[in-house]
Structure formats: C-alpha cells, structure tokens
C-alpha cells in the first residue's frame, strides 16, 4: 500500500510533467535559486526539497522487546490487532 501511494503521489507526477526534474543527492542552498547537489550546481526558479523521513523509535524501556509497529510496518499487517496504542503526533499518528 505504501509503495502504491508513493507511486501515485510522486513517481507518476514526475513522469507526466516534463518541467520537473528529479535530482537525488545531498544538497545545500548556494543562493535563492541555486543548490549544490553532491558537488554539482543546479539552478531553477522553483525548488522542492523532499527529504523523506523514517520512523523514530523512542527510547522506552522494554519497547525493543515488544512486537511494536511503525507507521510503515502497520500497513504491512494482514489482520488488524485486537489492541493498539499509538505514540506520536502529527498527521501520521492521527
């Protein structure tokens, strides 16, 4: 499901729009319209930075010994759990 959503939201948009270029790498702004991406300068009128994210596992005693889920692994479940406690905030936890 996660892969399908990612495909629908991002990859297909890139493929349908010739004015968007995907450039992967470590980047930093040089000025308002220029990025240094892994040693190569890239200039554009509009720049979108999509850093992505990964789940944060808080240092709660005993958590590593439990069968916890992340926002990613929860989508891999074949059956809903009988009980579920959600820790976190923002739109993903909601």
Protein backbone atom coordinates (compact mmCIF):
# COMPACT_ATOMS: atom_id res chain seq x y z
CA UNK A 1 0.00 0.00 0.00
CA UNK A 2 2.81 2.39 0.92
CA UNK A 3 4.58 1.71 -2.36
CA UNK A 4 1.37 2.22 -4.33
CA UNK A 5 0.70 5.55 -2.59
CA UNK A 6 4.26 6.67 -3.17
CA UNK A 7 3.96 5.76 -6.84
CA UNK A 8 0.68 7.58 -7.27
CA UNK A 9 1.75 10.72 -5.41
CA UNK A 10 5.29 11.17 -6.63
CA UNK A 11 6.63 8.93 -9.36
CA UNK A 12 3.66 9.32 -11.69
CA UNK A 13 3.73 13.10 -11.24
CA UNK A 14 7.38 13.16 -12.28
CA UNK A 15 6.73 11.02 -15.32
CA UNK A 16 3.80 13.17 -16.53
CA UNK A 17 5.48 16.55 -16.12
CA UNK A 18 8.48 17.28 -18.34
CA UNK A 19 9.24 20.52 -16.47
CA UNK A 20 10.08 18.61 -13.27
CA UNK A 21 13.50 17.02 -12.86
CA UNK A 22 14.28 14.58 -10.05
CA UNK A 23 17.81 15.02 -8.76
CA UNK A 24 18.90 12.78 -5.92
CA UNK A 25 21.80 13.56 -3.62
CA UNK A 26 22.95 15.60 -0.65
CA UNK A 27 22.05 19.25 -1.22
CA UNK A 28 22.59 22.70 0.23
CA UNK A 29 21.43 26.09 -0.94
CA UNK A 30 24.03 28.35 -2.57
CA UNK A 31 21.52 31.18 -3.12
CA UNK A 32 17.75 31.60 -3.58
CA UNK A 33 17.69 29.68 -6.89
CA UNK A 34 20.82 27.51 -6.77
CA UNK A 35 21.55 24.24 -5.00
CA UNK A 36 24.82 22.39 -4.66
CA UNK A 37 23.73 18.75 -5.10
CA UNK A 38 26.59 16.40 -4.34
CA UNK A 39 29.10 18.86 -5.84
CA UNK A 40 27.02 19.87 -8.87
CA UNK A 41 25.27 23.28 -9.03
CA UNK A 42 21.62 23.15 -10.05
CA UNK A 43 19.66 26.34 -10.79
CA UNK A 44 15.87 26.65 -11.01
CA UNK A 45 13.11 29.19 -10.49
CA UNK A 46 11.32 26.82 -8.10
CA UNK A 47 12.91 24.12 -5.97
CA UNK A 48 11.11 21.43 -3.99
CA UNK A 49 13.12 19.54 -1.40
CA UNK A 50 11.67 16.18 -0.41
CA UNK A 51 13.84 14.78 2.34
CA UNK A 52 11.61 11.87 3.24
CA UNK A 53 11.53 10.54 6.75
CA UNK A 54 11.84 7.39 8.78
CA UNK A 55 10.00 6.34 11.92
CA UNK A 56 11.54 7.41 15.23
CA UNK A 57 11.64 4.64 17.83
CA UNK A 58 11.64 6.35 21.25
CA UNK A 59 13.95 5.00 23.98
CA UNK A 60 11.14 3.49 26.07
CA UNK A 61 12.31 0.67 28.39
CA UNK A 62 11.03 -2.68 27.10
CA UNK A 63 9.91 -1.36 23.72
CA UNK A 64 12.62 -3.22 21.80
CA UNK A 65 11.48 -6.46 23.42
CA UNK A 66 7.88 -5.94 22.32
CA UNK A 67 6.29 -6.50 18.93
CA UNK A 68 5.87 -2.80 18.06
CA UNK A 69 4.79 -1.37 14.72
CA UNK A 70 5.94 1.73 12.89
CA UNK A 71 3.90 3.88 10.53
CA UNK A 72 5.39 1.81 7.72
CA UNK A 73 5.08 -1.72 9.14
CA UNK A 74 1.48 -1.09 10.24
CA UNK A 75 0.49 -1.03 6.55
CA UNK A 76 2.02 -4.48 6.11
CA UNK A 77 -0.38 -6.15 8.57
CA UNK A 78 -2.69 -8.82 7.14
CA UNK A 79 -5.06 -8.59 10.14
CA UNK A 80 -5.97 -5.75 12.48
CA UNK A 81 -4.61 -6.14 16.03
CA UNK A 82 -7.12 -6.60 18.87
CA UNK A 83 -5.45 -3.77 20.81
CA UNK A 84 -3.31 -0.89 19.65
CA UNK A 85 -1.70 2.07 21.42
CA UNK A 86 -0.38 4.87 19.24
CA UNK A 87 2.53 7.08 20.32
CA UNK A 88 3.29 10.14 18.26
CA UNK A 89 1.84 13.26 16.83
CA UNK A 90 1.02 14.93 13.59
CA UNK A 91 -0.91 13.55 10.67
CA UNK A 92 0.72 10.09 10.70
CA UNK A 93 -0.31 9.34 14.28
CA UNK A 94 -3.81 10.61 13.57
